[in-house]
Every structure is written in structure tokens, then in C-alpha cells.
Amino acid sequence: MVFGNCLLFFALYVIMAYMLSESEPVSGMRARQLNPVVLAFVGDAVYTLLIRERLALSSGEKTGALNKRASELVSARGQSDLLERILPLLTEEEAEIYRRGRNAKKPTKSKNASVGEYVRSTGFEAVIGYLYLTGQNKRIEELFF
């Protein structure tokens, strides 16, 4: 069982390393043309994988405990809390992407977060999606880790 978990975490690490180093970035103009909810869709996946990678590589905990910690960090509430700390660090361009994501009409409602936390987390995810798609992976590291 331990070997299987190690193998899973190694596979996640390899996939993440590939994603952050080998994918072709899109232009800032092209990324800004995307619906901010689409940017958030990408950002959610990227942020979730980054959090899981960090937890897997920095902890000897079992997967149940790792999943619980990841869920807390990746939740709308966790993202909203982190956003409060990084909001002053955003560039003008990133702040604009955040506002577009925050204000965008969303197809779903949050079950476990306030409306404010949910809309802020969508803006947060839109920034991550924008940075990822435009190949600004170092900036993701600077802001969120």
C-alpha cells in the first residue's frame, strides 16, 4: 500500500513538472479573451495539483490526512483566506483578471462557503489560470508559495 501511494505521488510530481515546463503558453491577449470562469476552471485544476504536490512531497502523512488538508486549502474558504494575503501583491494586470473572475456570472453556487468567499475564490482561480496559460509559472510560485 505504501509503495502504491509513493508511486501515485511520484506520478503526480512528474505530471506537474511536465505541465509547468513543457506546455506551450498562450499570449496574454488570447488568455484575456477567455471567459474568466474558463480561466478559473483551469486555475482550479492547477492550484489543486500544486497543493497536492506540495503536501505529498513535504509530509509523511497517509492519503486520508493529505486529502483532508488539501480539501481545506483548495476550498473556496481556504482560497479566499489566501487571497487576502496576496491581493496587495498582484500586478495591475493580475488584479484586473481577479476582478473579472470575481464579478463573472457563475453557473453554480457554493455549498460550503459564503457568496463572498465563493466569488473571491473564483477570482483567485482565474488569476492562477491566467498565469498558468500564459506560462508565468514562476509568478505562480512567487504568489502562492
C-alpha atoms as a PDB file:
ATOM      1  CA  MET A   1       0.000   0.000   0.000  1.00  0.00           C
ATOM      2  CA  VAL A   2       2.801   2.434   0.888  1.00  0.00           C
ATOM      3  CA  PHE A   3       4.559   1.652  -2.391  1.00  0.00           C
ATOM      4  CA  GLY A   4       1.334   2.376  -4.294  1.00  0.00           C
ATOM      5  CA  ASN A   5       0.955   5.746  -2.578  1.00  0.00           C
ATOM      6  CA  CYS A   6       4.570   6.650  -3.306  1.00  0.00           C
ATOM      7  CA  LEU A   7       4.084   5.681  -6.918  1.00  0.00           C
ATOM      8  CA  LEU A   8       0.945   7.820  -7.148  1.00  0.00           C
ATOM      9  CA  PHE A   9       2.713  10.836  -5.662  1.00  0.00           C
ATOM     10  CA  PHE A  10       5.696  10.352  -7.950  1.00  0.00           C
ATOM     11  CA  ALA A  11       3.358  10.186 -10.963  1.00  0.00           C
ATOM     12  CA  LEU A  12       1.680  13.436  -9.829  1.00  0.00           C
ATOM     13  CA  TYR A  13       5.086  15.061  -9.448  1.00  0.00           C
ATOM     14  CA  VAL A  14       6.175  14.001 -12.941  1.00  0.00           C
ATOM     15  CA  ILE A  15       2.904  15.195 -14.479  1.00  0.00           C
ATOM     16  CA  MET A  16       3.138  18.546 -12.683  1.00  0.00           C
ATOM     17  CA  ALA A  17       6.764  19.037 -13.698  1.00  0.00           C
ATOM     18  CA  TYR A  18       5.793  18.322 -17.292  1.00  0.00           C
ATOM     19  CA  MET A  19       2.805  20.679 -17.142  1.00  0.00           C
ATOM     20  CA  LEU A  20       4.842  23.535 -15.721  1.00  0.00           C
ATOM     21  CA  SER A  21       7.818  23.157 -18.034  1.00  0.00           C
ATOM     22  CA  GLU A  22       6.672  21.700 -21.353  1.00  0.00           C
ATOM     23  CA  SER A  23       3.311  23.214 -22.227  1.00  0.00           C
ATOM     24  CA  GLU A  24       3.162  25.995 -24.789  1.00  0.00           C
ATOM     25  CA  PRO A  25       1.985  29.238 -23.243  1.00  0.00           C
ATOM     26  CA  VAL A  26      -0.715  31.282 -24.919  1.00  0.00           C
ATOM     27  CA  SER A  27      -0.409  35.017 -25.457  1.00  0.00           C
ATOM     28  CA  GLY A  28      -1.663  37.353 -22.770  1.00  0.00           C
ATOM     29  CA  MET A  29      -4.129  38.773 -25.275  1.00  0.00           C
ATOM     30  CA  ARG A  30      -5.546  35.313 -26.048  1.00  0.00           C
ATOM     31  CA  ALA A  31      -5.789  34.437 -22.341  1.00  0.00           C
ATOM     32  CA  ARG A  32      -7.560  37.744 -21.555  1.00  0.00           C
ATOM     33  CA  GLN A  33     -10.130  36.931 -24.247  1.00  0.00           C
ATOM     34  CA  LEU A  34     -11.151  33.749 -22.450  1.00  0.00           C
ATOM     35  CA  ASN A  35     -14.213  33.825 -20.238  1.00  0.00           C
ATOM     36  CA  PRO A  36     -12.953  34.400 -16.671  1.00  0.00           C
ATOM     37  CA  VAL A  37     -14.897  31.341 -15.499  1.00  0.00           C
ATOM     38  CA  VAL A  38     -12.876  29.291 -18.012  1.00  0.00           C
ATOM     39  CA  LEU A  39      -9.680  30.785 -16.568  1.00  0.00           C
ATOM     40  CA  ALA A  40     -10.967  29.775 -13.113  1.00  0.00           C
ATOM     41  CA  PHE A  41     -11.695  26.261 -14.410  1.00  0.00           C
ATOM     42  CA  VAL A  42      -8.048  25.900 -15.436  1.00  0.00           C
ATOM     43  CA  GLY A  43      -6.808  27.682 -12.303  1.00  0.00           C
ATOM     44  CA  ASP A  44      -8.747  25.341 -10.025  1.00  0.00           C
ATOM     45  CA  ALA A  45      -7.077  22.294 -11.573  1.00  0.00           C
ATOM     46  CA  VAL A  46      -3.604  23.846 -11.465  1.00  0.00           C
ATOM     47  CA  TYR A  47      -3.961  25.039  -7.864  1.00  0.00           C
ATOM     48  CA  THR A  48      -5.352  21.678  -6.717  1.00  0.00           C
ATOM     49  CA  LEU A  49      -2.451  19.821  -8.298  1.00  0.00           C
ATOM     50  CA  LEU A  50       0.113  22.247  -6.856  1.00  0.00           C
ATOM     51  CA  ILE A  51      -1.345  21.885  -3.360  1.00  0.00           C
ATOM     52  CA  ARG A  52      -1.438  18.106  -3.601  1.00  0.00           C
ATOM     53  CA  GLU A  53       2.136  18.046  -4.880  1.00  0.00           C
ATOM     54  CA  ARG A  54       3.356  20.264  -2.019  1.00  0.00           C
ATOM     55  CA  LEU A  55       1.582  18.178   0.586  1.00  0.00           C
ATOM     56  CA  ALA A  56       2.745  14.874  -0.893  1.00  0.00           C
ATOM     57  CA  LEU A  57       6.381  15.943  -1.044  1.00  0.00           C
ATOM     58  CA  SER A  58       6.504  17.666   2.336  1.00  0.00           C
ATOM     59  CA  SER A  59       4.612  15.221   4.512  1.00  0.00           C
ATOM     60  CA  GLY A  60       4.760  11.613   5.530  1.00  0.00           C
ATOM     61  CA  GLU A  61       1.034  11.569   6.243  1.00  0.00           C
ATOM     62  CA  LYS A  62      -1.333   8.988   4.844  1.00  0.00           C
ATOM     63  CA  THR A  63      -3.543   9.852   1.909  1.00  0.00           C
ATOM     64  CA  GLY A  64      -6.651  10.380   4.057  1.00  0.00           C
ATOM     65  CA  ALA A  65      -4.929  13.086   6.087  1.00  0.00           C
ATOM     66  CA  LEU A  66      -3.363  14.584   2.952  1.00  0.00           C
ATOM     67  CA  ASN A  67      -6.753  14.725   1.268  1.00  0.00           C
ATOM     68  CA  LYS A  68      -8.303  16.456   4.278  1.00  0.00           C
ATOM     69  CA  ARG A  69      -5.541  19.091   4.348  1.00  0.00           C
ATOM     70  CA  ALA A  70      -5.743  19.575   0.575  1.00  0.00           C
ATOM     71  CA  SER A  71      -9.518  19.997   0.735  1.00  0.00           C
ATOM     72  CA  GLU A  72      -9.172  22.714   3.372  1.00  0.00           C
ATOM     73  CA  LEU A  73      -6.614  24.631   1.296  1.00  0.00           C
ATOM     74  CA  VAL A  74      -8.380  24.214  -2.037  1.00  0.00           C
ATOM     75  CA  SER A  75     -11.838  25.097  -0.687  1.00  0.00           C
ATOM     76  CA  ALA A  76     -13.442  28.434  -1.509  1.00  0.00           C
ATOM     77  CA  ARG A  77     -12.872  29.470   2.109  1.00  0.00           C
ATOM     78  CA  GLY A  78      -9.181  28.481   2.006  1.00  0.00           C
ATOM     79  CA  GLN A  79      -8.616  30.253  -1.292  1.00  0.00           C
ATOM     80  CA  SER A  80     -10.423  33.357  -0.065  1.00  0.00           C
ATOM     81  CA  ASP A  81      -8.213  33.446   3.049  1.00  0.00           C
ATOM     82  CA  LEU A  82      -5.031  33.125   0.966  1.00  0.00           C
ATOM     83  CA  LEU A  83      -6.284  35.764  -1.449  1.00  0.00           C
ATOM     84  CA  GLU A  84      -6.498  38.317   1.370  1.00  0.00           C
ATOM     85  CA  ARG A  85      -2.750  37.915   1.921  1.00  0.00           C
ATOM     86  CA  ILE A  86      -1.704  38.097  -1.730  1.00  0.00           C
ATOM     87  CA  LEU A  87      -4.148  40.706  -3.061  1.00  0.00           C
ATOM     88  CA  PRO A  88      -1.741  43.601  -2.345  1.00  0.00           C
ATOM     89  CA  LEU A  89       0.981  41.754  -4.300  1.00  0.00           C
ATOM     90  CA  LEU A  90      -0.981  41.462  -7.549  1.00  0.00           C
ATOM     91  CA  THR A  91       0.116  43.473 -10.566  1.00  0.00           C
ATOM     92  CA  GLU A  92      -2.433  45.696 -12.303  1.00  0.00           C
ATOM     93  CA  GLU A  93      -2.976  43.023 -14.946  1.00  0.00           C
ATOM     94  CA  GLU A  94      -3.447  40.272 -12.340  1.00  0.00           C
ATOM     95  CA  ALA A  95      -5.819  42.471 -10.331  1.00  0.00           C
ATOM     96  CA  GLU A  96      -7.902  43.042 -13.452  1.00  0.00           C
ATOM     97  CA  ILE A  97      -8.086  39.284 -14.103  1.00  0.00           C
ATOM     98  CA  TYR A  98      -9.072  38.794 -10.443  1.00  0.00           C
ATOM     99  CA  ARG A  99     -11.876  41.383 -10.705  1.00  0.00           C
ATOM    100  CA  ARG A 100     -13.179  39.820 -13.909  1.00  0.00           C
ATOM    101  CA  GLY A 101     -13.234  36.381 -12.275  1.00  0.00           C
ATOM    102  CA  ARG A 102     -14.805  37.683  -9.085  1.00  0.00           C
ATOM    103  CA  ASN A 103     -17.550  39.532 -10.970  1.00  0.00           C
ATOM    104  CA  ALA A 104     -18.264  36.876 -13.608  1.00  0.00           C
ATOM    105  CA  LYS A 105     -21.614  35.132 -13.702  1.00  0.00           C
ATOM    106  CA  LYS A 106     -21.035  31.622 -12.418  1.00  0.00           C
ATOM    107  CA  PRO A 107     -23.034  28.567 -13.468  1.00  0.00           C
ATOM    108  CA  THR A 108     -23.014  27.060  -9.954  1.00  0.00           C
ATOM    109  CA  LYS A 109     -23.308  28.097  -6.318  1.00  0.00           C
ATOM    110  CA  SER A 110     -21.073  27.040  -3.445  1.00  0.00           C
ATOM    111  CA  LYS A 111     -22.456  24.555  -0.958  1.00  0.00           C
ATOM    112  CA  ASN A 112     -19.893  25.136   1.784  1.00  0.00           C
ATOM    113  CA  ALA A 113     -18.841  28.774   1.526  1.00  0.00           C
ATOM    114  CA  SER A 114     -20.433  32.188   1.709  1.00  0.00           C
ATOM    115  CA  VAL A 115     -21.252  34.010  -1.519  1.00  0.00           C
ATOM    116  CA  GLY A 116     -18.340  36.405  -0.832  1.00  0.00           C
ATOM    117  CA  GLU A 117     -15.857  33.576  -0.323  1.00  0.00           C
ATOM    118  CA  TYR A 118     -17.101  31.839  -3.456  1.00  0.00           C
ATOM    119  CA  VAL A 119     -16.801  34.865  -5.730  1.00  0.00           C
ATOM    120  CA  ARG A 120     -13.345  35.747  -4.338  1.00  0.00           C
ATOM    121  CA  SER A 121     -12.163  32.178  -4.851  1.00  0.00           C
ATOM    122  CA  THR A 122     -13.334  32.297  -8.482  1.00  0.00           C
ATOM    123  CA  GLY A 123     -11.257  35.449  -8.980  1.00  0.00           C
ATOM    124  CA  PHE A 124      -8.319  33.747  -7.272  1.00  0.00           C
ATOM    125  CA  GLU A 125      -8.611  30.727  -9.571  1.00  0.00           C
ATOM    126  CA  ALA A 126      -8.920  32.971 -12.640  1.00  0.00           C
ATOM    127  CA  VAL A 127      -5.569  34.584 -11.774  1.00  0.00           C
ATOM    128  CA  ILE A 128      -3.917  31.178 -11.432  1.00  0.00           C
ATOM    129  CA  GLY A 129      -5.478  30.013 -14.707  1.00  0.00           C
ATOM    130  CA  TYR A 130      -4.288  33.153 -16.492  1.00  0.00           C
ATOM    131  CA  LEU A 131      -0.754  32.858 -15.119  1.00  0.00           C
ATOM    132  CA  TYR A 132      -0.573  29.170 -15.980  1.00  0.00           C
ATOM    133  CA  LEU A 133      -1.907  29.560 -19.519  1.00  0.00           C
ATOM    134  CA  THR A 134       0.492  32.422 -20.238  1.00  0.00           C
ATOM    135  CA  GLY A 135       3.461  30.412 -18.987  1.00  0.00           C
ATOM    136  CA  GLN A 136       4.090  32.520 -15.875  1.00  0.00           C
ATOM    137  CA  ASN A 137       4.773  29.558 -13.619  1.00  0.00           C
ATOM    138  CA  LYS A 138       7.470  31.340 -11.610  1.00  0.00           C
ATOM    139  CA  ARG A 139       4.898  34.018 -10.781  1.00  0.00           C
ATOM    140  CA  ILE A 140       2.502  31.339  -9.513  1.00  0.00           C
ATOM    141  CA  GLU A 141       5.269  30.122  -7.209  1.00  0.00           C
ATOM    142  CA  GLU A 142       6.014  33.683  -6.021  1.00  0.00           C
ATOM    143  CA  LEU A 143       2.419  34.494  -5.204  1.00  0.00           C
ATOM    144  CA  PHE A 144       1.122  31.300  -3.744  1.00  0.00           C
ATOM    145  CA  PHE A 145       4.117  29.581  -2.204  1.00  0.00           C
END
